[in-house]
C-alpha atoms as a PDB file:
ATOM      1  CA  MET A   1     -59.153  17.174  52.167  1.00  0.00           C
ATOM      2  CA  HIS A   2     -55.991  15.132  52.084  1.00  0.00           C
ATOM      3  CA  ASP A   3     -53.714  13.857  49.358  1.00  0.00           C
ATOM      4  CA  VAL A   4     -50.887  11.415  50.078  1.00  0.00           C
ATOM      5  CA  HIS A   5     -48.514   9.206  48.143  1.00  0.00           C
ATOM      6  CA  VAL A   6     -48.462   5.587  49.238  1.00  0.00           C
ATOM      7  CA  ARG A   7     -44.969   4.118  49.472  1.00  0.00           C
ATOM      8  CA  GLU A   8     -43.667   2.827  46.135  1.00  0.00           C
ATOM      9  CA  ALA A   9     -42.517  -0.788  45.836  1.00  0.00           C
ATOM     10  CA  ALA A  10     -40.254  -2.361  43.220  1.00  0.00           C
ATOM     11  CA  PHE A  11     -40.047  -6.051  42.295  1.00  0.00           C
ATOM     12  CA  GLY A  12     -37.285  -6.369  39.702  1.00  0.00           C
ATOM     13  CA  ASP A  13     -38.666  -4.595  36.617  1.00  0.00           C
ATOM     14  CA  ALA A  14     -42.173  -4.392  38.122  1.00  0.00           C
ATOM     15  CA  ARG A  15     -43.357  -1.352  40.111  1.00  0.00           C
ATOM     16  CA  ILE A  16     -46.416  -0.586  42.236  1.00  0.00           C
ATOM     17  CA  ARG A  17     -47.434   2.988  43.038  1.00  0.00           C
ATOM     18  CA  GLY A  18     -50.367   4.302  45.010  1.00  0.00           C
ATOM     19  CA  ARG A  19     -51.962   7.687  45.598  1.00  0.00           C
ATOM     20  CA  GLN A  20     -54.725   8.515  48.074  1.00  0.00           C
ATOM     21  CA  ALA A  21     -57.108  11.461  48.346  1.00  0.00           C
ATOM     22  CA  GLY A  22     -60.073  12.011  50.641  1.00  0.00           C
ATOM     23  CA  PHE A  23     -61.810  14.095  53.282  1.00  0.00           C
ATOM     24  CA  ARG A  24     -63.092  13.971  56.872  1.00  0.00           C
ATOM     25  CA  LEU A  25     -66.141  15.854  58.178  1.00  0.00           C
ATOM     26  CA  TRP A  26     -67.390  15.885  61.800  1.00  0.00           C
ATOM     27  CA  SER A  27     -70.800  17.141  62.865  1.00  0.00           C
ATOM     28  CA  PRO A  28     -71.199  19.422  65.850  1.00  0.00           C
ATOM     29  CA  GLU A  29     -71.604  17.478  69.080  1.00  0.00           C
ATOM     30  CA  PHE A  30     -75.209  17.180  70.276  1.00  0.00           C
ATOM     31  CA  ALA A  31     -75.485  17.333  74.082  1.00  0.00           C
ATOM     32  CA  PHE A  32     -78.158  15.466  76.020  1.00  0.00           C
ATOM     33  CA  GLU A  33     -78.690  15.115  79.768  1.00  0.00           C
ATOM     34  CA  ARG A  34     -76.270  12.197  80.329  1.00  0.00           C
ATOM     35  CA  PHE A  35     -74.242  12.017  77.141  1.00  0.00           C
ATOM     36  CA  ALA A  36     -73.159  13.803  73.969  1.00  0.00           C
ATOM     37  CA  PHE A  37     -73.406  12.440  70.436  1.00  0.00           C
ATOM     38  CA  GLY A  38     -71.378  13.233  67.326  1.00  0.00           C
ATOM     39  CA  MET A  39     -70.994  11.684  63.894  1.00  0.00           C
ATOM     40  CA  ALA A  40     -68.634  11.951  60.961  1.00  0.00           C
ATOM     41  CA  ALA A  41     -67.986  10.916  57.385  1.00  0.00           C
ATOM     42  CA  GLU A  42     -64.513   9.933  56.217  1.00  0.00           C
ATOM     43  CA  TYR A  43     -63.944   9.117  52.549  1.00  0.00           C
ATOM     44  CA  ALA A  44     -60.732   7.908  50.897  1.00  0.00           C
ATOM     45  CA  TYR A  45     -60.009   7.090  47.255  1.00  0.00           C
ATOM     46  CA  THR A  46     -56.834   5.127  46.550  1.00  0.00           C
ATOM     47  CA  ARG A  47     -55.414   4.497  43.077  1.00  0.00           C
ATOM     48  CA  TYR A  48     -52.896   1.653  42.725  1.00  0.00           C
ATOM     49  CA  GLU A  49     -50.869   1.608  39.497  1.00  0.00           C
ATOM     50  CA  PHE A  50     -48.919  -1.450  38.380  1.00  0.00           C
ATOM     51  CA  GLU A  51     -46.074  -1.482  35.831  1.00  0.00           C
ATOM     52  CA  GLY A  52     -44.510  -4.687  34.550  1.00  0.00           C
ATOM     53  CA  LEU A  53     -47.170  -6.941  36.102  1.00  0.00           C
ATOM     54  CA  SER A  54     -49.908  -8.799  34.239  1.00  0.00           C
ATOM     55  CA  THR A  55     -52.746  -7.043  36.043  1.00  0.00           C
ATOM     56  CA  ARG A  56     -54.764  -3.864  35.650  1.00  0.00           C
ATOM     57  CA  ASP A  57     -54.566  -0.742  37.823  1.00  0.00           C
ATOM     58  CA  ARG A  58     -56.921  -0.780  40.829  1.00  0.00           C
ATOM     59  CA  ASP A  59     -59.204   1.813  42.426  1.00  0.00           C
ATOM     60  CA  LEU A  60     -60.320   1.442  46.026  1.00  0.00           C
ATOM     61  CA  HIS A  61     -63.024   3.512  47.749  1.00  0.00           C
ATOM     62  CA  HIS A  62     -63.536   3.600  51.561  1.00  0.00           C
ATOM     63  CA  LEU A  63     -66.359   5.334  53.402  1.00  0.00           C
ATOM     64  CA  HIS A  64     -66.183   5.341  57.224  1.00  0.00           C
ATOM     65  CA  LEU A  65     -69.164   6.651  59.224  1.00  0.00           C
ATOM     66  CA  PRO A  66     -68.019   7.001  62.876  1.00  0.00           C
ATOM     67  CA  LEU A  67     -70.784   7.469  65.466  1.00  0.00           C
ATOM     68  CA  GLN A  68     -69.564   8.655  68.878  1.00  0.00           C
ATOM     69  CA  TRP A  69     -71.280   8.759  72.282  1.00  0.00           C
ATOM     70  CA  ARG A  70     -69.474  10.392  75.217  1.00  0.00           C
ATOM     71  CA  GLY A  71     -70.527  10.551  78.892  1.00  0.00           C
ATOM     72  CA  HIS A  72     -70.730  13.809  80.887  1.00  0.00           C
ATOM     73  CA  ASP A  73     -69.518  14.806  84.367  1.00  0.00           C
ATOM     74  CA  ASP A  74     -69.020  11.766  86.625  1.00  0.00           C
ATOM     75  CA  HIS A  75     -69.759   9.355  83.782  1.00  0.00           C
ATOM     76  CA  ARG A  76     -66.427   9.340  81.921  1.00  0.00           C
ATOM     77  CA  TRP A  77     -66.965   6.945  79.031  1.00  0.00           C
ATOM     78  CA  ARG A  78     -66.789   7.012  75.261  1.00  0.00           C
ATOM     79  CA  VAL A  79     -68.150   4.601  72.648  1.00  0.00           C
ATOM     80  CA  VAL A  80     -67.369   4.840  68.936  1.00  0.00           C
ATOM     81  CA  LEU A  81     -69.016   2.622  66.308  1.00  0.00           C
ATOM     82  CA  THR A  82     -67.595   2.869  62.803  1.00  0.00           C
ATOM     83  CA  PRO A  83     -69.511   1.215  59.966  1.00  0.00           C
ATOM     84  CA  VAL A  84     -67.305   0.949  56.858  1.00  0.00           C
ATOM     85  CA  ILE A  85     -68.202   0.553  53.202  1.00  0.00           C
ATOM     86  CA  ALA A  86     -65.335  -0.380  50.867  1.00  0.00           C
ATOM     87  CA  THR A  87     -65.451  -1.184  47.176  1.00  0.00           C
ATOM     88  CA  SER A  88     -63.211  -1.754  44.209  1.00  0.00           C
ATOM     89  CA  PRO A  89     -65.014  -1.420  40.857  1.00  0.00           C
ATOM     90  CA  PRO A  90     -64.952  -4.521  38.629  1.00  0.00           C
ATOM     91  CA  PRO A  91     -62.903  -4.426  35.439  1.00  0.00           C
ATOM     92  CA  THR A  92     -64.650  -3.129  32.348  1.00  0.00           C
ATOM     93  CA  GLY A  93     -64.676  -4.727  28.942  1.00  0.00           C
ATOM     94  CA  ARG A  94     -64.849  -8.331  27.821  1.00  0.00           C
ATOM     95  CA  ARG A  95     -64.676 -11.182  30.349  1.00  0.00           C
ATOM     96  CA  GLY A  96     -63.624 -14.751  29.826  1.00  0.00           C
ATOM     97  CA  PRO A  97     -62.591 -16.487  26.588  1.00  0.00           C
ATOM     98  CA  ALA A  98     -64.000 -15.272  23.290  1.00  0.00           C
END
């Protein structure tokens, strides 16, 4: 589990702040004759807060799913594929002119 503060920025009277929390989990490595395989899940939630700007606060979710293959003995190689899912929920409430 991690929890970090994203650098704060100021634009005159306007301010932007961010905070991030998340986790990283790796599976045990599964060994086969010529290679080993491992996988992980990495999740991060970031909250951006705006003051003095005509916009709403934003939430951002990231899910990374790294898949790793690694060669044994004389076959020194490593391949990592990382599919990523990222989303920011839409605003709630009324949309458009009344």
